Amino acid sequence: MKFYPFFIPFLLITASVSAQELLIYTENNPPASYMVNDRLEGEAVNIVREILHHLGKPDTIELVPWARGYNLALKKPNVALFSTTRSPEREKLFKWVGPLYSQKWAFFKKKGSPIRIDFLEDAKRVDRIGTYRQDAKKQFLEQNGFTNLVDTSDNTTNVLHLLKGNIDLWISSDYSMPYIASQAGVDSQKIEKAYTIKSVDNYIVFSLQTPDSIVNAWQQALDHNKKDKTSPVPDKN
């Protein structure tokens, strides 16, 4: 798992970018984004806040259900949404800035469950797989012919359904699973990985109607930070 923090100051890009009004959405997806005492926190939230600060924009990030944010980014101009998994199915639907971090998708099961998954196709034989509405992982399974999917708009309910036996598997990621389990009030040790599917990168996406000047400015700020973090410290002697 790779993560790129953003703490280095970056020059303002252009006045035209600052003049644009963006609607910026994220979801409850710890540790990338989550609410603590009525304040948004998280690793990806920190990156976006620093970009906004150095572009001279206020912090207007709003937490919404993932399906709502996703549909707004599809249909409305000047919408940014994070953290969004980049996939072939989504490539032409948005403009992309990133990556922010990488993660591994996996099937998870209740600890001690006899279910064994050696290949992706094996998971088609279970009765129910818990998924998250409009999530890339659900879209991936649908693209691969899965019909045994049960979706929800609140991913923490998948944890509870898994432990109660209402679903046989839950598709999540190594990055988020322990945090989602904690939000559900469940010890993540009660859940175990059944099968790792693949590694993916997560990005900030912008609606197609968003001006390229905005998208390019955000990418330039992120690239500057990555370059700075990998540059050697100058010798002051």
C-alpha atoms as a PDB file:
ATOM      1  CA  MET A   1       0.000   0.000   0.000  1.00  0.00           C
ATOM      2  CA  LYS A   2       1.418   3.318  -1.082  1.00  0.00           C
ATOM      3  CA  PHE A   3       0.305   6.693   0.217  1.00  0.00           C
ATOM      4  CA  TYR A   4       1.442  10.127  -0.844  1.00  0.00           C
ATOM      5  CA  PRO A   5       1.006  12.788   1.881  1.00  0.00           C
ATOM      6  CA  PHE A   6       0.698  16.448   0.919  1.00  0.00           C
ATOM      7  CA  PHE A   7       2.310  18.932   3.253  1.00  0.00           C
ATOM      8  CA  ILE A   8       4.695  20.998   1.078  1.00  0.00           C
ATOM      9  CA  PRO A   9       3.579  24.519   0.075  1.00  0.00           C
ATOM     10  CA  PHE A  10       2.766  25.024  -3.586  1.00  0.00           C
ATOM     11  CA  LEU A  11       2.388  28.299  -5.482  1.00  0.00           C
ATOM     12  CA  LEU A  12      -1.006  29.476  -6.593  1.00  0.00           C
ATOM     13  CA  ILE A  13      -1.596  28.345 -10.158  1.00  0.00           C
ATOM     14  CA  THR A  14      -3.832  30.890 -11.892  1.00  0.00           C
ATOM     15  CA  ALA A  15      -6.500  33.394 -10.995  1.00  0.00           C
ATOM     16  CA  SER A  16      -8.922  31.675 -13.356  1.00  0.00           C
ATOM     17  CA  VAL A  17      -8.611  28.430 -11.410  1.00  0.00           C
ATOM     18  CA  SER A  18      -9.266  30.217  -8.123  1.00  0.00           C
ATOM     19  CA  ALA A  19     -12.348  31.806  -9.616  1.00  0.00           C
ATOM     20  CA  GLN A  20     -13.936  28.443 -10.410  1.00  0.00           C
ATOM     21  CA  GLU A  21     -16.401  27.001  -7.923  1.00  0.00           C
ATOM     22  CA  LEU A  22     -16.076  23.273  -7.333  1.00  0.00           C
ATOM     23  CA  LEU A  23     -18.415  20.983  -5.474  1.00  0.00           C
ATOM     24  CA  ILE A  24     -16.099  18.558  -3.682  1.00  0.00           C
ATOM     25  CA  TYR A  25     -17.423  15.280  -2.311  1.00  0.00           C
ATOM     26  CA  THR A  26     -16.000  12.334  -0.451  1.00  0.00           C
ATOM     27  CA  GLU A  27     -17.442   9.311   1.327  1.00  0.00           C
ATOM     28  CA  ASN A  28     -17.090   7.531   4.640  1.00  0.00           C
ATOM     29  CA  ASN A  29     -14.088   5.379   3.719  1.00  0.00           C
ATOM     30  CA  PRO A  30     -11.535   5.195   6.537  1.00  0.00           C
ATOM     31  CA  PRO A  31      -8.617   5.700   6.695  1.00  0.00           C
ATOM     32  CA  ALA A  32      -8.865   7.857   3.531  1.00  0.00           C
ATOM     33  CA  SER A  33     -11.907   9.876   4.671  1.00  0.00           C
ATOM     34  CA  TYR A  34     -14.142   9.701   7.717  1.00  0.00           C
ATOM     35  CA  MET A  35     -15.914  11.882  10.256  1.00  0.00           C
ATOM     36  CA  VAL A  36     -14.552  12.538  13.767  1.00  0.00           C
ATOM     37  CA  ASN A  37     -16.509  14.832  16.102  1.00  0.00           C
ATOM     38  CA  ASP A  38     -18.293  16.482  13.159  1.00  0.00           C
ATOM     39  CA  ARG A  39     -15.015  17.114  11.309  1.00  0.00           C
ATOM     40  CA  LEU A  40     -13.778  15.335   8.223  1.00  0.00           C
ATOM     41  CA  GLU A  41     -10.444  13.575   8.710  1.00  0.00           C
ATOM     42  CA  GLY A  42      -8.348  11.082   6.805  1.00  0.00           C
ATOM     43  CA  GLU A  43      -5.262  10.657   4.680  1.00  0.00           C
ATOM     44  CA  ALA A  44      -6.928  11.532   1.380  1.00  0.00           C
ATOM     45  CA  VAL A  45      -8.804  14.422   3.004  1.00  0.00           C
ATOM     46  CA  ASN A  46      -5.467  15.883   4.101  1.00  0.00           C
ATOM     47  CA  ILE A  47      -4.161  15.776   0.531  1.00  0.00           C
ATOM     48  CA  VAL A  48      -7.230  17.520  -0.866  1.00  0.00           C
ATOM     49  CA  ARG A  49      -7.199  20.162   1.873  1.00  0.00           C
ATOM     50  CA  GLU A  50      -3.606  21.062   1.096  1.00  0.00           C
ATOM     51  CA  ILE A  51      -4.364  21.310  -2.624  1.00  0.00           C
ATOM     52  CA  LEU A  52      -7.304  23.612  -1.888  1.00  0.00           C
ATOM     53  CA  HIS A  53      -5.213  25.749   0.443  1.00  0.00           C
ATOM     54  CA  HIS A  54      -2.434  26.262  -2.063  1.00  0.00           C
ATOM     55  CA  LEU A  55      -4.881  26.976  -4.870  1.00  0.00           C
ATOM     56  CA  GLY A  56      -6.405  29.690  -2.684  1.00  0.00           C
ATOM     57  CA  LYS A  57      -9.715  27.868  -2.271  1.00  0.00           C
ATOM     58  CA  PRO A  58     -11.716  27.255   0.911  1.00  0.00           C
ATOM     59  CA  ASP A  59     -12.225  23.806   2.377  1.00  0.00           C
ATOM     60  CA  THR A  60     -15.698  22.904   1.113  1.00  0.00           C
ATOM     61  CA  ILE A  61     -15.377  19.123   1.159  1.00  0.00           C
ATOM     62  CA  GLU A  62     -18.703  17.444   1.896  1.00  0.00           C
ATOM     63  CA  LEU A  63     -19.204  13.853   3.033  1.00  0.00           C
ATOM     64  CA  VAL A  64     -22.050  12.111   1.208  1.00  0.00           C
ATOM     65  CA  PRO A  65     -23.099   8.523   0.499  1.00  0.00           C
ATOM     66  CA  TRP A  66     -20.840   7.132  -2.205  1.00  0.00           C
ATOM     67  CA  ALA A  67     -23.637   6.470  -4.715  1.00  0.00           C
ATOM     68  CA  ARG A  68     -24.836  10.084  -4.448  1.00  0.00           C
ATOM     69  CA  GLY A  69     -21.365  11.563  -4.929  1.00  0.00           C
ATOM     70  CA  TYR A  70     -20.662   9.236  -7.826  1.00  0.00           C
ATOM     71  CA  ASN A  71     -23.882  10.135  -9.620  1.00  0.00           C
ATOM     72  CA  LEU A  72     -23.265  13.863  -9.112  1.00  0.00           C
ATOM     73  CA  ALA A  73     -19.780  13.513 -10.597  1.00  0.00           C
ATOM     74  CA  LEU A  74     -21.312  11.747 -13.582  1.00  0.00           C
ATOM     75  CA  LYS A  75     -24.015  14.319 -14.256  1.00  0.00           C
ATOM     76  CA  LYS A  76     -23.061  17.760 -12.886  1.00  0.00           C
ATOM     77  CA  PRO A  77     -20.389  20.254 -13.993  1.00  0.00           C
ATOM     78  CA  ASN A  78     -17.526  21.255 -11.706  1.00  0.00           C
ATOM     79  CA  VAL A  79     -17.748  18.284  -9.349  1.00  0.00           C
ATOM     80  CA  ALA A  80     -14.754  16.585  -7.722  1.00  0.00           C
ATOM     81  CA  LEU A  81     -15.016  13.217  -5.965  1.00  0.00           C
ATOM     82  CA  PHE A  82     -12.487  11.180  -4.004  1.00  0.00           C
ATOM     83  CA  SER A  83     -11.207   8.562  -3.485  1.00  0.00           C
ATOM     84  CA  THR A  84     -12.206   6.873  -6.731  1.00  0.00           C
ATOM     85  CA  THR A  85     -10.730   3.645  -8.041  1.00  0.00           C
ATOM     86  CA  ARG A  86      -9.434   3.953 -11.589  1.00  0.00           C
ATOM     87  CA  SER A  87     -10.749   1.175 -13.806  1.00  0.00           C
ATOM     88  CA  PRO A  88     -11.242   0.586 -17.548  1.00  0.00           C
ATOM     89  CA  GLU A  89     -15.009   0.822 -17.072  1.00  0.00           C
ATOM     90  CA  ARG A  90     -14.708   4.298 -15.545  1.00  0.00           C
ATOM     91  CA  GLU A  91     -11.821   5.691 -17.598  1.00  0.00           C
ATOM     92  CA  LYS A  92     -13.874   7.794 -20.024  1.00  0.00           C
ATOM     93  CA  LEU A  93     -16.498   8.824 -17.469  1.00  0.00           C
ATOM     94  CA  PHE A  94     -14.289  11.305 -15.590  1.00  0.00           C
ATOM     95  CA  LYS A  95     -11.131  13.403 -15.617  1.00  0.00           C
ATOM     96  CA  TRP A  96      -8.472  11.990 -13.293  1.00  0.00           C
ATOM     97  CA  VAL A  97      -5.970  13.399 -10.785  1.00  0.00           C
ATOM     98  CA  GLY A  98      -3.677  11.106  -8.823  1.00  0.00           C
ATOM     99  CA  PRO A  99      -2.894   8.548  -7.757  1.00  0.00           C
ATOM    100  CA  LEU A 100      -3.485   9.147  -4.061  1.00  0.00           C
ATOM    101  CA  TYR A 101      -2.828   5.623  -2.795  1.00  0.00           C
ATOM    102  CA  SER A 102      -3.002   1.976  -3.826  1.00  0.00           C
ATOM    103  CA  GLN A 103      -4.861  -0.924  -2.260  1.00  0.00           C
ATOM    104  CA  LYS A 104      -5.605  -4.609  -2.781  1.00  0.00           C
ATOM    105  CA  TRP A 105      -9.133  -5.816  -3.364  1.00  0.00           C
ATOM    106  CA  ALA A 106     -10.083  -9.051  -1.648  1.00  0.00           C
ATOM    107  CA  PHE A 107     -12.924 -11.309  -0.610  1.00  0.00           C
ATOM    108  CA  PHE A 108     -13.300 -11.493   3.156  1.00  0.00           C
ATOM    109  CA  LYS A 109     -15.112 -14.141   5.181  1.00  0.00           C
ATOM    110  CA  LYS A 110     -16.046 -14.738   8.805  1.00  0.00           C
ATOM    111  CA  LYS A 111     -13.055 -16.196  10.618  1.00  0.00           C
ATOM    112  CA  GLY A 112     -13.324 -19.945  10.718  1.00  0.00           C
ATOM    113  CA  SER A 113     -15.688 -20.143   7.736  1.00  0.00           C
ATOM    114  CA  PRO A 114     -15.046 -23.279   5.652  1.00  0.00           C
ATOM    115  CA  ILE A 115     -15.438 -21.312   2.400  1.00  0.00           C
ATOM    116  CA  ARG A 116     -12.349 -21.684   0.221  1.00  0.00           C
ATOM    117  CA  ILE A 117     -11.652 -19.443  -2.777  1.00  0.00           C
ATOM    118  CA  ASP A 118      -8.688 -20.410  -4.976  1.00  0.00           C
ATOM    119  CA  PHE A 119      -9.763 -18.544  -8.115  1.00  0.00           C
ATOM    120  CA  LEU A 120     -12.085 -15.611  -8.778  1.00  0.00           C
ATOM    121  CA  GLU A 121     -14.635 -17.924 -10.405  1.00  0.00           C
ATOM    122  CA  ASP A 122     -14.921 -19.957  -7.187  1.00  0.00           C
ATOM    123  CA  ALA A 123     -16.729 -17.039  -5.555  1.00  0.00           C
ATOM    124  CA  LYS A 124     -19.614 -17.416  -7.985  1.00  0.00           C
ATOM    125  CA  ARG A 125     -20.604 -20.603  -6.136  1.00  0.00           C
ATOM    126  CA  VAL A 126     -21.440 -18.948  -2.815  1.00  0.00           C
ATOM    127  CA  ASP A 127     -24.981 -17.735  -2.217  1.00  0.00           C
ATOM    128  CA  ARG A 128     -24.386 -14.073  -1.341  1.00  0.00           C
ATOM    129  CA  ILE A 129     -21.525 -11.584  -1.658  1.00  0.00           C
ATOM    130  CA  GLY A 130     -21.867  -8.253   0.147  1.00  0.00           C
ATOM    131  CA  THR A 131     -21.041  -5.205  -2.000  1.00  0.00           C
ATOM    132  CA  TYR A 132     -21.179  -1.409  -1.749  1.00  0.00           C
ATOM    133  CA  ARG A 133     -23.530   0.490  -4.063  1.00  0.00           C
ATOM    134  CA  GLN A 134     -21.842   2.104  -7.121  1.00  0.00           C
ATOM    135  CA  ASP A 135     -18.477   0.861  -5.844  1.00  0.00           C
ATOM    136  CA  ALA A 136     -15.774  -0.121  -8.343  1.00  0.00           C
ATOM    137  CA  LYS A 137     -15.451  -3.532  -6.730  1.00  0.00           C
ATOM    138  CA  LYS A 138     -19.131  -4.256  -7.309  1.00  0.00           C
ATOM    139  CA  GLN A 139     -18.825  -2.997 -10.886  1.00  0.00           C
ATOM    140  CA  PHE A 140     -15.830  -5.268 -11.412  1.00  0.00           C
ATOM    141  CA  LEU A 141     -17.748  -8.334 -10.227  1.00  0.00           C
ATOM    142  CA  GLU A 142     -20.721  -7.445 -12.424  1.00  0.00           C
ATOM    143  CA  GLN A 143     -18.384  -7.088 -15.426  1.00  0.00           C
ATOM    144  CA  ASN A 144     -17.097 -10.578 -14.648  1.00  0.00           C
ATOM    145  CA  GLY A 145     -20.530 -12.175 -14.635  1.00  0.00           C
ATOM    146  CA  PHE A 146     -21.341 -12.312 -10.923  1.00  0.00           C
ATOM    147  CA  THR A 147     -25.061 -12.484 -10.172  1.00  0.00           C
ATOM    148  CA  ASN A 148     -24.903 -13.378  -6.456  1.00  0.00           C
ATOM    149  CA  LEU A 149     -24.337  -9.805  -5.244  1.00  0.00           C
ATOM    150  CA  VAL A 150     -26.181  -8.041  -2.423  1.00  0.00           C
ATOM    151  CA  ASP A 151     -25.516  -4.297  -2.218  1.00  0.00           C
ATOM    152  CA  THR A 152     -25.898  -1.661   0.469  1.00  0.00           C
ATOM    153  CA  SER A 153     -25.433   2.095   0.720  1.00  0.00           C
ATOM    154  CA  ASP A 154     -23.669   1.694   4.104  1.00  0.00           C
ATOM    155  CA  ASN A 155     -20.580  -0.497   3.900  1.00  0.00           C
ATOM    156  CA  THR A 156     -20.475  -1.103   7.656  1.00  0.00           C
ATOM    157  CA  THR A 157     -23.639  -3.185   7.355  1.00  0.00           C
ATOM    158  CA  ASN A 158     -21.688  -5.693   5.256  1.00  0.00           C
ATOM    159  CA  VAL A 159     -19.496  -6.387   8.283  1.00  0.00           C
ATOM    160  CA  LEU A 160     -22.512  -7.131  10.462  1.00  0.00           C
ATOM    161  CA  HIS A 161     -24.184  -9.242   7.778  1.00  0.00           C
ATOM    162  CA  LEU A 162     -20.976 -11.245   7.342  1.00  0.00           C
ATOM    163  CA  LEU A 163     -20.736 -12.120  11.039  1.00  0.00           C
ATOM    164  CA  LYS A 164     -24.437 -12.971  11.242  1.00  0.00           C
ATOM    165  CA  GLY A 165     -24.210 -15.268   8.203  1.00  0.00           C
ATOM    166  CA  ASN A 166     -26.511 -13.123   6.077  1.00  0.00           C
ATOM    167  CA  ILE A 167     -23.759 -12.965   3.435  1.00  0.00           C
ATOM    168  CA  ASP A 168     -21.028 -15.513   2.721  1.00  0.00           C
ATOM    169  CA  LEU A 169     -18.316 -13.142   1.482  1.00  0.00           C
ATOM    170  CA  TRP A 170     -17.696  -9.406   1.536  1.00  0.00           C
ATOM    171  CA  ILE A 171     -15.614  -7.667  -1.115  1.00  0.00           C
ATOM    172  CA  SER A 172     -13.480  -4.902   0.374  1.00  0.00           C
ATOM    173  CA  SER A 173      -9.800  -3.877   0.470  1.00  0.00           C
ATOM    174  CA  ASP A 174      -6.854  -4.431   2.753  1.00  0.00           C
ATOM    175  CA  TYR A 175      -6.618  -0.634   3.057  1.00  0.00           C
ATOM    176  CA  SER A 176     -10.129  -0.073   4.399  1.00  0.00           C
ATOM    177  CA  MET A 177     -11.337  -3.339   5.904  1.00  0.00           C
ATOM    178  CA  PRO A 178     -10.006  -2.946   9.476  1.00  0.00           C
ATOM    179  CA  TYR A 179     -11.348   0.613   9.742  1.00  0.00           C
ATOM    180  CA  ILE A 180     -14.773  -0.245   8.349  1.00  0.00           C
ATOM    181  CA  ALA A 181     -14.987  -3.162  10.781  1.00  0.00           C
ATOM    182  CA  SER A 182     -14.085  -0.827  13.653  1.00  0.00           C
ATOM    183  CA  GLN A 183     -16.815   1.627  12.623  1.00  0.00           C
ATOM    184  CA  ALA A 184     -19.258  -1.292  12.708  1.00  0.00           C
ATOM    185  CA  GLY A 185     -18.146  -2.066  16.275  1.00  0.00           C
ATOM    186  CA  VAL A 186     -16.476  -5.311  15.203  1.00  0.00           C
ATOM    187  CA  ASP A 187     -12.974  -6.594  15.963  1.00  0.00           C
ATOM    188  CA  SER A 188     -11.328  -7.046  12.536  1.00  0.00           C
ATOM    189  CA  GLN A 189      -9.700 -10.228  13.865  1.00  0.00           C
ATOM    190  CA  LYS A 190     -13.126 -11.857  13.502  1.00  0.00           C
ATOM    191  CA  ILE A 191     -12.788 -11.432   9.733  1.00  0.00           C
ATOM    192  CA  GLU A 192     -10.195 -13.078   7.508  1.00  0.00           C
ATOM    193  CA  LYS A 193      -9.126 -12.772   3.904  1.00  0.00           C
ATOM    194  CA  ALA A 194     -10.448 -15.494   1.622  1.00  0.00           C
ATOM    195  CA  TYR A 195      -8.877 -14.405  -1.671  1.00  0.00           C
ATOM    196  CA  THR A 196      -6.880 -11.438  -2.980  1.00  0.00           C
ATOM    197  CA  ILE A 197      -8.284 -10.225  -6.301  1.00  0.00           C
ATOM    198  CA  LYS A 198      -5.948  -7.484  -7.550  1.00  0.00           C
ATOM    199  CA  SER A 199      -4.158  -4.211  -6.762  1.00  0.00           C
ATOM    200  CA  VAL A 200      -5.681  -0.875  -7.806  1.00  0.00           C
ATOM    201  CA  ASP A 201      -4.941   2.861  -7.507  1.00  0.00           C
ATOM    202  CA  ASN A 202      -7.320   5.477  -6.137  1.00  0.00           C
ATOM    203  CA  TYR A 203      -7.691   9.000  -7.541  1.00  0.00           C
ATOM    204  CA  ILE A 204      -9.577  12.262  -7.356  1.00  0.00           C
ATOM    205  CA  VAL A 205     -12.038  12.432 -10.257  1.00  0.00           C
ATOM    206  CA  PHE A 206     -13.663  15.451 -11.860  1.00  0.00           C
ATOM    207  CA  SER A 207     -16.855  15.561 -13.898  1.00  0.00           C
ATOM    208  CA  LEU A 208     -16.253  15.772 -17.644  1.00  0.00           C
ATOM    209  CA  GLN A 209     -17.729  19.294 -17.717  1.00  0.00           C
ATOM    210  CA  THR A 210     -14.991  20.569 -15.357  1.00  0.00           C
ATOM    211  CA  PRO A 211     -12.490  22.860 -17.162  1.00  0.00           C
ATOM    212  CA  ASP A 212      -9.133  21.274 -17.939  1.00  0.00           C
ATOM    213  CA  SER A 213      -7.412  24.250 -16.273  1.00  0.00           C
ATOM    214  CA  ILE A 214      -8.740  23.126 -12.891  1.00  0.00           C
ATOM    215  CA  VAL A 215      -7.871  19.473 -13.409  1.00  0.00           C
ATOM    216  CA  ASN A 216      -4.367  20.317 -14.619  1.00  0.00           C
ATOM    217  CA  ALA A 217      -3.764  22.616 -11.649  1.00  0.00           C
ATOM    218  CA  TRP A 218      -4.712  19.908  -9.171  1.00  0.00           C
ATOM    219  CA  GLN A 219      -2.510  17.347 -10.904  1.00  0.00           C
ATOM    220  CA  GLN A 220       0.388  19.798 -11.047  1.00  0.00           C
ATOM    221  CA  ALA A 221       0.106  20.456  -7.304  1.00  0.00           C
ATOM    222  CA  LEU A 222       0.058  16.747  -6.506  1.00  0.00           C
ATOM    223  CA  ASP A 223       2.977  16.004  -8.836  1.00  0.00           C
ATOM    224  CA  HIS A 224       5.006  18.817  -7.266  1.00  0.00           C
ATOM    225  CA  ASN A 225       4.528  17.295  -3.841  1.00  0.00           C
ATOM    226  CA  LYS A 226       5.540  13.796  -4.954  1.00  0.00           C
ATOM    227  CA  LYS A 227       8.647  15.148  -6.655  1.00  0.00           C
ATOM    228  CA  ASP A 228       9.604  17.160  -3.606  1.00  0.00           C
ATOM    229  CA  LYS A 229       9.192  14.145  -1.327  1.00  0.00           C
ATOM    230  CA  THR A 230      11.519  12.051  -3.482  1.00  0.00           C
ATOM    231  CA  SER A 231      14.188  14.752  -3.894  1.00  0.00           C
ATOM    232  CA  PRO A 232      17.363  14.473  -1.769  1.00  0.00           C
ATOM    233  CA  VAL A 233      17.801  16.930   1.099  1.00  0.00           C
ATOM    234  CA  PRO A 234      20.331  19.624   0.046  1.00  0.00           C
ATOM    235  CA  ASP A 235      23.711  19.541   1.762  1.00  0.00           C
ATOM    236  CA  LYS A 236      23.996  22.750   3.812  1.00  0.00           C
ATOM    237  CA  ASN A 237      27.696  22.262   4.608  1.00  0.00           C
END
